[in-house]
PDB file of all heavy atoms in Angstrom:
ATOM      1  N   GLN A   1     128.310 -87.201 169.417  1.00  0.00           N
ATOM      2  CA  GLN A   1     128.782 -88.463 168.853  1.00  0.00           C
ATOM      3  C   GLN A   1     130.202 -88.330 168.324  1.00  0.00           C
ATOM      4  O   GLN A   1     131.023 -89.245 168.473  1.00  0.00           O
ATOM      5  CB  GLN A   1     127.843 -88.916 167.730  1.00  0.00           C
ATOM      6  CG  GLN A   1     128.095 -90.335 167.237  1.00  0.00           C
ATOM      7  CD  GLN A   1     127.846 -91.383 168.306  1.00  0.00           C
ATOM      8  OE1 GLN A   1     126.996 -91.198 169.179  1.00  0.00           O
ATOM      9  NE2 GLN A   1     128.582 -92.484 168.259  1.00  0.00           N
ATOM     10  N   ALA A   2     130.501 -87.188 167.725  1.00  0.00           N
ATOM     11  CA  ALA A   2     131.850 -86.948 167.215  1.00  0.00           C
ATOM     12  C   ALA A   2     132.866 -86.944 168.355  1.00  0.00           C
ATOM     13  O   ALA A   2     133.964 -87.500 168.231  1.00  0.00           O
ATOM     14  CB  ALA A   2     131.895 -85.623 166.459  1.00  0.00           C
ATOM     15  N   LEU A   3     132.500 -86.334 169.465  1.00  0.00           N
ATOM     16  CA  LEU A   3     133.390 -86.319 170.622  1.00  0.00           C
ATOM     17  C   LEU A   3     133.544 -87.709 171.220  1.00  0.00           C
ATOM     18  O   LEU A   3     134.632 -88.122 171.613  1.00  0.00           O
ATOM     19  CB  LEU A   3     132.843 -85.352 171.682  1.00  0.00           C
ATOM     20  CG  LEU A   3     132.903 -83.865 171.329  1.00  0.00           C
ATOM     21  CD1 LEU A   3     132.166 -83.051 172.380  1.00  0.00           C
ATOM     22  CD2 LEU A   3     134.344 -83.399 171.223  1.00  0.00           C
ATOM     23  N   LYS A   4     132.440 -88.434 171.280  1.00  0.00           N
ATOM     24  CA  LYS A   4     132.474 -89.786 171.841  1.00  0.00           C
ATOM     25  C   LYS A   4     133.384 -90.702 171.035  1.00  0.00           C
ATOM     26  O   LYS A   4     134.118 -91.515 171.598  1.00  0.00           O
ATOM     27  CB  LYS A   4     131.046 -90.353 171.878  1.00  0.00           C
ATOM     28  CG  LYS A   4     130.935 -91.742 172.473  1.00  0.00           C
ATOM     29  CD  LYS A   4     129.481 -92.211 172.484  1.00  0.00           C
ATOM     30  CE  LYS A   4     129.363 -93.611 173.059  1.00  0.00           C
ATOM     31  NZ  LYS A   4     127.946 -94.091 173.064  1.00  0.00           N
ATOM     32  N   GLU A   5     133.332 -90.564 169.716  1.00  0.00           N
ATOM     33  CA  GLU A   5     134.142 -91.417 168.849  1.00  0.00           C
ATOM     34  C   GLU A   5     135.508 -90.801 168.559  1.00  0.00           C
ATOM     35  O   GLU A   5     136.291 -91.362 167.789  1.00  0.00           O
ATOM     36  CB  GLU A   5     133.390 -91.665 167.533  1.00  0.00           C
ATOM     37  CG  GLU A   5     132.073 -92.408 167.725  1.00  0.00           C
ATOM     38  CD  GLU A   5     131.386 -92.713 166.409  1.00  0.00           C
ATOM     39  OE1 GLU A   5     132.057 -92.615 165.362  1.00  0.00           O
ATOM     40  OE2 GLU A   5     130.192 -93.055 166.430  1.00  0.00           O
ATOM     41  N   GLU A   6     135.768 -89.634 169.168  1.00  0.00           N
ATOM     42  CA  GLU A   6     137.049 -88.935 169.006  1.00  0.00           C
ATOM     43  C   GLU A   6     137.373 -88.664 167.545  1.00  0.00           C
ATOM     44  O   GLU A   6     138.502 -88.833 167.090  1.00  0.00           O
ATOM     45  CB  GLU A   6     138.177 -89.730 169.673  1.00  0.00           C
ATOM     46  CG  GLU A   6     137.981 -89.893 171.179  1.00  0.00           C
ATOM     47  CD  GLU A   6     139.145 -90.601 171.846  1.00  0.00           C
ATOM     48  OE1 GLU A   6     139.993 -91.168 171.128  1.00  0.00           O
ATOM     49  OE2 GLU A   6     139.195 -90.598 173.080  1.00  0.00           O
ATOM     50  N   LYS A   7     136.364 -88.246 166.811  1.00  0.00           N
ATOM     51  CA  LYS A   7     136.578 -87.882 165.419  1.00  0.00           C
ATOM     52  C   LYS A   7     137.132 -86.462 165.356  1.00  0.00           C
ATOM     53  O   LYS A   7     136.644 -85.564 166.041  1.00  0.00           O
ATOM     54  CB  LYS A   7     135.265 -87.948 164.634  1.00  0.00           C
ATOM     55  CG  LYS A   7     134.613 -89.323 164.649  1.00  0.00           C
ATOM     56  CD  LYS A   7     135.439 -90.332 163.880  1.00  0.00           C
ATOM     57  CE  LYS A   7     134.738 -91.687 163.832  1.00  0.00           C
ATOM     58  NZ  LYS A   7     135.506 -92.701 163.103  1.00  0.00           N
ATOM     59  N   LYS A   8     138.132 -86.248 164.535  1.00  0.00           N
ATOM     60  CA  LYS A   8     138.748 -84.928 164.448  1.00  0.00           C
ATOM     61  C   LYS A   8     138.739 -84.376 163.027  1.00  0.00           C
ATOM     62  O   LYS A   8     138.259 -83.284 162.774  1.00  0.00           O
ATOM     63  CB  LYS A   8     140.175 -84.978 164.979  1.00  0.00           C
ATOM     64  CG  LYS A   8     140.256 -85.275 166.481  1.00  0.00           C
ATOM     65  CD  LYS A   8     141.688 -85.241 166.959  1.00  0.00           C
ATOM     66  CE  LYS A   8     141.764 -85.488 168.465  1.00  0.00           C
ATOM     67  NZ  LYS A   8     143.163 -85.452 168.959  1.00  0.00           N
ATOM     68  N   ASP A   9     139.300 -85.132 162.106  1.00  0.00           N
ATOM     69  CA  ASP A   9     139.468 -84.611 160.749  1.00  0.00           C
ATOM     70  C   ASP A   9     138.321 -84.986 159.818  1.00  0.00           C
ATOM     71  O   ASP A   9     138.074 -84.292 158.845  1.00  0.00           O
ATOM     72  CB  ASP A   9     140.793 -85.127 160.160  1.00  0.00           C
ATOM     73  CG  ASP A   9     141.984 -84.711 161.012  1.00  0.00           C
ATOM     74  OD1 ASP A   9     141.940 -83.573 161.503  1.00  0.00           O
ATOM     75  OD2 ASP A   9     142.903 -85.511 161.200  1.00  0.00           O
ATOM     76  N   ILE A  10     137.646 -86.103 160.098  1.00  0.00           N
ATOM     77  CA  ILE A  10     136.617 -86.578 159.174  1.00  0.00           C
ATOM     78  C   ILE A  10     135.257 -86.481 159.852  1.00  0.00           C
ATOM     79  O   ILE A  10     134.872 -87.342 160.637  1.00  0.00           O
ATOM     80  CB  ILE A  10     136.878 -88.044 158.757  1.00  0.00           C
ATOM     81  CG1 ILE A  10     138.272 -88.183 158.163  1.00  0.00           C
ATOM     82  CG2 ILE A  10     135.824 -88.518 157.780  1.00  0.00           C
ATOM     83  CD1 ILE A  10     138.644 -89.600 157.792  1.00  0.00           C
ATOM     84  N   LEU A  11     134.565 -85.417 159.563  1.00  0.00           N
ATOM     85  CA  LEU A  11     133.196 -85.314 160.039  1.00  0.00           C
ATOM     86  C   LEU A  11     132.480 -84.220 159.263  1.00  0.00           C
ATOM     87  O   LEU A  11     133.090 -83.265 158.801  1.00  0.00           O
ATOM     88  CB  LEU A  11     133.131 -85.035 161.546  1.00  0.00           C
ATOM     89  CG  LEU A  11     133.657 -83.698 162.091  1.00  0.00           C
ATOM     90  CD1 LEU A  11     132.584 -82.617 161.999  1.00  0.00           C
ATOM     91  CD2 LEU A  11     134.055 -83.872 163.556  1.00  0.00           C
ATOM     92  N   SER A  12     131.186 -84.398 159.095  1.00  0.00           N
ATOM     93  CA  SER A  12     130.391 -83.367 158.428  1.00  0.00           C
ATOM     94  C   SER A  12     128.931 -83.518 158.840  1.00  0.00           C
ATOM     95  O   SER A  12     128.452 -84.620 159.091  1.00  0.00           O
ATOM     96  CB  SER A  12     130.518 -83.458 156.906  1.00  0.00           C
ATOM     97  OG  SER A  12     129.949 -84.659 156.427  1.00  0.00           O
ATOM     98  N   PHE A  13     128.268 -82.378 158.926  1.00  0.00           N
ATOM     99  CA  PHE A  13     126.845 -82.329 159.266  1.00  0.00           C
ATOM    100  C   PHE A  13     126.185 -81.378 158.289  1.00  0.00           C
ATOM    101  O   PHE A  13     126.598 -80.228 158.146  1.00  0.00           O
ATOM    102  CB  PHE A  13     126.663 -81.835 160.705  1.00  0.00           C
ATOM    103  CG  PHE A  13     125.228 -81.645 161.115  1.00  0.00           C
ATOM    104  CD1 PHE A  13     124.530 -82.662 161.744  1.00  0.00           C
ATOM    105  CD2 PHE A  13     124.567 -80.441 160.873  1.00  0.00           C
ATOM    106  CE1 PHE A  13     123.205 -82.485 162.136  1.00  0.00           C
ATOM    107  CE2 PHE A  13     123.246 -80.257 161.263  1.00  0.00           C
ATOM    108  CZ  PHE A  13     122.566 -81.289 161.887  1.00  0.00           C
ATOM    109  N   TYR A  14     125.166 -81.886 157.612  1.00  0.00           N
ATOM    110  CA  TYR A  14     124.490 -81.073 156.597  1.00  0.00           C
ATOM    111  C   TYR A  14     122.987 -81.280 156.716  1.00  0.00           C
ATOM    112  O   TYR A  14     122.517 -82.400 156.885  1.00  0.00           O
ATOM    113  CB  TYR A  14     124.958 -81.501 155.197  1.00  0.00           C
ATOM    114  CG  TYR A  14     124.231 -80.815 154.060  1.00  0.00           C
ATOM    115  CD1 TYR A  14     124.646 -79.579 153.589  1.00  0.00           C
ATOM    116  CD2 TYR A  14     123.140 -81.413 153.449  1.00  0.00           C
ATOM    117  CE1 TYR A  14     123.984 -78.951 152.540  1.00  0.00           C
ATOM    118  CE2 TYR A  14     122.469 -80.797 152.406  1.00  0.00           C
ATOM    119  CZ  TYR A  14     122.900 -79.565 151.957  1.00  0.00           C
ATOM    120  OH  TYR A  14     122.241 -78.944 150.925  1.00  0.00           O
ATOM    121  N   VAL A  15     122.254 -80.197 156.673  1.00  0.00           N
ATOM    122  CA  VAL A  15     120.788 -80.306 156.679  1.00  0.00           C
ATOM    123  C   VAL A  15     120.232 -79.292 155.694  1.00  0.00           C
ATOM    124  O   VAL A  15     120.667 -78.148 155.634  1.00  0.00           O
ATOM    125  CB  VAL A  15     120.197 -80.083 158.089  1.00  0.00           C
ATOM    126  CG1 VAL A  15     120.623 -78.746 158.682  1.00  0.00           C
ATOM    127  CG2 VAL A  15     118.673 -80.163 158.044  1.00  0.00           C
ATOM    128  N   GLU A  16     119.282 -79.767 154.910  1.00  0.00           N
ATOM    129  CA  GLU A  16     118.606 -78.895 153.954  1.00  0.00           C
ATOM    130  C   GLU A  16     117.103 -79.041 154.124  1.00  0.00           C
ATOM    131  O   GLU A  16     116.581 -80.144 154.194  1.00  0.00           O
ATOM    132  CB  GLU A  16     119.005 -79.225 152.524  1.00  0.00           C
ATOM    133  CG  GLU A  16     118.367 -78.295 151.507  1.00  0.00           C
ATOM    134  CD  GLU A  16     119.025 -78.378 150.142  1.00  0.00           C
ATOM    135  OE1 GLU A  16     119.898 -79.250 149.953  1.00  0.00           O
ATOM    136  OE2 GLU A  16     118.681 -77.568 149.269  1.00  0.00           O
ATOM    137  N   GLY A  17     116.426 -77.922 154.223  1.00  0.00           N
ATOM    138  CA  GLY A  17     114.984 -77.938 154.411  1.00  0.00           C
ATOM    139  C   GLY A  17     114.242 -77.481 153.175  1.00  0.00           C
ATOM    140  O   GLY A  17     114.704 -76.616 152.437  1.00  0.00           O
ATOM    141  N   THR A  18     113.082 -78.085 152.961  1.00  0.00           N
ATOM    142  CA  THR A  18     112.198 -77.705 151.865  1.00  0.00           C
ATOM    143  C   THR A  18     110.818 -77.426 152.440  1.00  0.00           C
ATOM    144  O   THR A  18     110.300 -78.221 153.225  1.00  0.00           O
ATOM    145  CB  THR A  18     112.102 -78.829 150.813  1.00  0.00           C
ATOM    146  OG1 THR A  18     113.410 -79.169 150.372  1.00  0.00           O
ATOM    147  CG2 THR A  18     111.264 -78.375 149.623  1.00  0.00           C
ATOM    148  N   SER A  19     110.229 -76.305 152.076  1.00  0.00           N
ATOM    149  CA  SER A  19     108.917 -75.951 152.606  1.00  0.00           C
ATOM    150  C   SER A  19     107.838 -76.116 151.540  1.00  0.00           C
ATOM    151  O   SER A  19     108.093 -75.965 150.341  1.00  0.00           O
ATOM    152  CB  SER A  19     108.918 -74.511 153.127  1.00  0.00           C
ATOM    153  OG  SER A  19     109.221 -73.605 152.085  1.00  0.00           O
ATOM    154  N   PHE A  20     106.641 -76.443 151.998  1.00  0.00           N
ATOM    155  CA  PHE A  20     105.482 -76.617 151.132  1.00  0.00           C
ATOM    156  C   PHE A  20     104.340 -75.797 151.732  1.00  0.00           C
ATOM    157  O   PHE A  20     104.018 -75.954 152.911  1.00  0.00           O
ATOM    158  CB  PHE A  20     105.088 -78.086 151.030  1.00  0.00           C
ATOM    159  CG  PHE A  20     106.176 -78.983 150.506  1.00  0.00           C
ATOM    160  CD1 PHE A  20     107.147 -79.484 151.367  1.00  0.00           C
ATOM    161  CD2 PHE A  20     106.234 -79.311 149.162  1.00  0.00           C
ATOM    162  CE1 PHE A  20     108.153 -80.311 150.894  1.00  0.00           C
ATOM    163  CE2 PHE A  20     107.240 -80.133 148.675  1.00  0.00           C
ATOM    164  CZ  PHE A  20     108.206 -80.631 149.544  1.00  0.00           C
ATOM    165  N   ASP A  21     103.733 -74.962 150.935  1.00  0.00           N
ATOM    166  CA  ASP A  21     102.707 -74.057 151.438  1.00  0.00           C
ATOM    167  C   ASP A  21     101.434 -74.201 150.612  1.00  0.00           C
ATOM    168  O   ASP A  21     101.447 -74.008 149.400  1.00  0.00           O
ATOM    169  CB  ASP A  21     103.223 -72.623 151.361  1.00  0.00           C
ATOM    170  CG  ASP A  21     102.572 -71.713 152.392  1.00  0.00           C
ATOM    171  OD1 ASP A  21     101.673 -72.191 153.102  1.00  0.00           O
ATOM    172  OD2 ASP A  21     102.961 -70.538 152.481  1.00  0.00           O
ATOM    173  N   THR A  22     100.342 -74.574 151.262  1.00  0.00           N
ATOM    174  CA  THR A  22      99.035 -74.613 150.609  1.00  0.00           C
ATOM    175  C   THR A  22      98.141 -73.573 151.281  1.00  0.00           C
ATOM    176  O   THR A  22      98.582 -72.845 152.173  1.00  0.00           O
ATOM    177  CB  THR A  22      98.386 -76.006 150.716  1.00  0.00           C
ATOM    178  OG1 THR A  22      98.058 -76.260 152.092  1.00  0.00           O
ATOM    179  CG2 THR A  22      99.330 -77.089 150.209  1.00  0.00           C
ATOM    180  N   GLU A  23      96.895 -73.534 150.878  1.00  0.00           N
ATOM    181  CA  GLU A  23      95.997 -72.530 151.439  1.00  0.00           C
ATOM    182  C   GLU A  23      95.842 -72.664 152.950  1.00  0.00           C
ATOM    183  O   GLU A  23      95.822 -71.665 153.676  1.00  0.00           O
ATOM    184  CB  GLU A  23      94.620 -72.634 150.779  1.00  0.00           C
ATOM    185  CG  GLU A  23      93.622 -71.599 151.285  1.00  0.00           C
ATOM    186  CD  GLU A  23      92.263 -71.706 150.610  1.00  0.00           C
ATOM    187  OE1 GLU A  23      92.122 -72.543 149.692  1.00  0.00           O
ATOM    188  OE2 GLU A  23      91.344 -70.965 150.995  1.00  0.00           O
ATOM    189  N   ASN A  24      95.766 -73.911 153.432  1.00  0.00           N
ATOM    190  CA  ASN A  24      95.490 -74.131 154.856  1.00  0.00           C
ATOM    191  C   ASN A  24      96.629 -74.762 155.639  1.00  0.00           C
ATOM    192  O   ASN A  24      96.564 -74.820 156.875  1.00  0.00           O
ATOM    193  CB  ASN A  24      94.246 -75.008 155.015  1.00  0.00           C
ATOM    194  CG  ASN A  24      92.995 -74.321 154.494  1.00  0.00           C
ATOM    195  OD1 ASN A  24      92.843 -73.109 154.590  1.00  0.00           O
ATOM    196  ND2 ASN A  24      92.090 -75.112 153.913  1.00  0.00           N
ATOM    197  N   TYR A  25      97.664 -75.249 154.933  1.00  0.00           N
ATOM    198  CA  TYR A  25      98.728 -75.971 155.627  1.00  0.00           C
ATOM    199  C   TYR A  25     100.105 -75.503 155.175  1.00  0.00           C
ATOM    200  O   TYR A  25     100.311 -75.135 154.024  1.00  0.00           O
ATOM    201  CB  TYR A  25      98.609 -77.483 155.381  1.00  0.00           C
ATOM    202  CG  TYR A  25      97.298 -78.064 155.842  1.00  0.00           C
ATOM    203  CD1 TYR A  25      96.229 -78.189 154.956  1.00  0.00           C
ATOM    204  CD2 TYR A  25      97.120 -78.476 157.155  1.00  0.00           C
ATOM    205  CE1 TYR A  25      95.007 -78.704 155.381  1.00  0.00           C
ATOM    206  CE2 TYR A  25      95.905 -78.994 157.575  1.00  0.00           C
ATOM    207  CZ  TYR A  25      94.854 -79.103 156.690  1.00  0.00           C
ATOM    208  OH  TYR A  25      93.657 -79.608 157.106  1.00  0.00           O
ATOM    209  N   GLU A  26     101.034 -75.548 156.127  1.00  0.00           N
ATOM    210  CA  GLU A  26     102.437 -75.297 155.812  1.00  0.00           C
ATOM    211  C   GLU A  26     103.251 -76.474 156.331  1.00  0.00           C
ATOM    212  O   GLU A  26     103.087 -76.899 157.479  1.00  0.00           O
ATOM    213  CB  GLU A  26     102.929 -73.989 156.426  1.00  0.00           C
ATOM    214  CG  GLU A  26     104.332 -73.613 155.975  1.00  0.00           C
ATOM    215  CD  GLU A  26     104.779 -72.234 156.442  1.00  0.00           C
ATOM    216  OE1 GLU A  26     104.036 -71.600 157.239  1.00  0.00           O
ATOM    217  OE2 GLU A  26     105.857 -71.787 156.020  1.00  0.00           O
ATOM    218  N   SER A  27     104.114 -77.011 155.484  1.00  0.00           N
ATOM    219  CA  SER A  27     104.909 -78.187 155.836  1.00  0.00           C
ATOM    220  C   SER A  27     106.385 -77.922 155.592  1.00  0.00           C
ATOM    221  O   SER A  27     106.750 -77.116 154.731  1.00  0.00           O
ATOM    222  CB  SER A  27     104.482 -79.405 155.000  1.00  0.00           C
ATOM    223  OG  SER A  27     103.091 -79.582 154.980  1.00  0.00           O
ATOM    224  N   VAL A  28     107.226 -78.630 156.334  1.00  0.00           N
ATOM    225  CA  VAL A  28     108.671 -78.564 156.124  1.00  0.00           C
ATOM    226  C   VAL A  28     109.239 -79.974 156.157  1.00  0.00           C
ATOM    227  O   VAL A  28     108.901 -80.781 157.023  1.00  0.00           O
ATOM    228  CB  VAL A  28     109.368 -77.695 157.192  1.00  0.00           C
ATOM    229  CG1 VAL A  28     110.888 -77.833 157.092  1.00  0.00           C
ATOM    230  CG2 VAL A  28     108.976 -76.235 157.034  1.00  0.00           C
ATOM    231  N   TYR A  29     110.093 -80.237 155.183  1.00  0.00           N
ATOM    232  CA  TYR A  29     110.786 -81.528 155.069  1.00  0.00           C
ATOM    233  C   TYR A  29     112.277 -81.265 155.268  1.00  0.00           C
ATOM    234  O   TYR A  29     112.882 -80.500 154.518  1.00  0.00           O
ATOM    235  CB  TYR A  29     110.477 -82.132 153.702  1.00  0.00           C
ATOM    236  CG  TYR A  29     111.480 -83.104 153.138  1.00  0.00           C
ATOM    237  CD1 TYR A  29     111.994 -84.144 153.902  1.00  0.00           C
ATOM    238  CD2 TYR A  29     111.912 -82.993 151.811  1.00  0.00           C
ATOM    239  CE1 TYR A  29     112.900 -85.039 153.364  1.00  0.00           C
ATOM    240  CE2 TYR A  29     112.815 -83.879 151.261  1.00  0.00           C
ATOM    241  CZ  TYR A  29     113.321 -84.905 152.042  1.00  0.00           C
ATOM    242  OH  TYR A  29     114.221 -85.787 151.518  1.00  0.00           O
ATOM    243  N   LEU A  30     112.856 -81.870 156.304  1.00  0.00           N
ATOM    244  CA  LEU A  30     114.273 -81.719 156.599  1.00  0.00           C
ATOM    245  C   LEU A  30     115.027 -82.985 156.196  1.00  0.00           C
ATOM    246  O   LEU A  30     114.658 -84.086 156.604  1.00  0.00           O
ATOM    247  CB  LEU A  30     114.499 -81.466 158.095  1.00  0.00           C
ATOM    248  CG  LEU A  30     113.930 -80.166 158.682  1.00  0.00           C
ATOM    249  CD1 LEU A  30     114.144 -80.147 160.194  1.00  0.00           C
ATOM    250  CD2 LEU A  30     114.554 -78.946 158.028  1.00  0.00           C
ATOM    251  N   LEU A  31     116.061 -82.809 155.411  1.00  0.00           N
ATOM    252  CA  LEU A  31     116.933 -83.920 155.028  1.00  0.00           C
ATOM    253  C   LEU A  31     118.283 -83.712 155.702  1.00  0.00           C
ATOM    254  O   LEU A  31     118.958 -82.713 155.460  1.00  0.00           O
ATOM    255  CB  LEU A  31     117.109 -83.981 153.515  1.00  0.00           C
ATOM    256  CG  LEU A  31     118.153 -84.982 153.012  1.00  0.00           C
ATOM    257  CD1 LEU A  31     117.778 -86.408 153.404  1.00  0.00           C
ATOM    258  CD2 LEU A  31     118.327 -84.867 151.497  1.00  0.00           C
ATOM    259  N   PHE A  32     118.657 -84.645 156.556  1.00  0.00           N
ATOM    260  CA  PHE A  32     119.930 -84.579 157.270  1.00  0.00           C
ATOM    261  C   PHE A  32     120.939 -85.531 156.623  1.00  0.00           C
ATOM    262  O   PHE A  32     120.581 -86.636 156.214  1.00  0.00           O
ATOM    263  CB  PHE A  32     119.754 -84.982 158.733  1.00  0.00           C
ATOM    264  CG  PHE A  32     118.939 -84.022 159.552  1.00  0.00           C
ATOM    265  CD1 PHE A  32     117.562 -84.170 159.646  1.00  0.00           C
ATOM    266  CD2 PHE A  32     119.545 -82.982 160.235  1.00  0.00           C
ATOM    267  CE1 PHE A  32     116.802 -83.284 160.403  1.00  0.00           C
ATOM    268  CE2 PHE A  32     118.794 -82.101 160.999  1.00  0.00           C
ATOM    269  CZ  PHE A  32     117.421 -82.246 161.080  1.00  0.00           C
ATOM    270  N   GLU A  33     122.178 -85.086 156.575  1.00  0.00           N
ATOM    271  CA  GLU A  33     123.277 -85.949 156.144  1.00  0.00           C
ATOM    272  C   GLU A  33     124.420 -85.780 157.138  1.00  0.00           C
ATOM    273  O   GLU A  33     124.879 -84.672 157.394  1.00  0.00           O
ATOM    274  CB  GLU A  33     123.767 -85.572 154.745  1.00  0.00           C
ATOM    275  CG  GLU A  33     124.956 -86.431 154.295  1.00  0.00           C
ATOM    276  CD  GLU A  33     125.505 -86.009 152.951  1.00  0.00           C
ATOM    277  OE1 GLU A  33     124.882 -86.359 151.927  1.00  0.00           O
ATOM    278  OE2 GLU A  33     126.540 -85.313 152.919  1.00  0.00           O
ATOM    279  N   THR A  34     124.844 -86.879 157.725  1.00  0.00           N
ATOM    280  CA  THR A  34     125.951 -86.839 158.678  1.00  0.00           C
ATOM    281  C   THR A  34     127.028 -87.829 158.253  1.00  0.00           C
ATOM    282  O   THR A  34     126.744 -88.867 157.662  1.00  0.00           O
ATOM    283  CB  THR A  34     125.474 -87.184 160.095  1.00  0.00           C
ATOM    284  OG1 THR A  34     124.966 -88.536 160.121  1.00  0.00           O
ATOM    285  CG2 THR A  34     124.382 -86.231 160.548  1.00  0.00           C
TER     286      THR A  34
END
């Protein structure tokens, strides 16, 4: 998308994950910021 819109100086991609672990299940929540 950055290439398509010819963005050069103003762009950022950030993702942070949070994990949750119980006895029987493991989960991950990803938060993206672009």
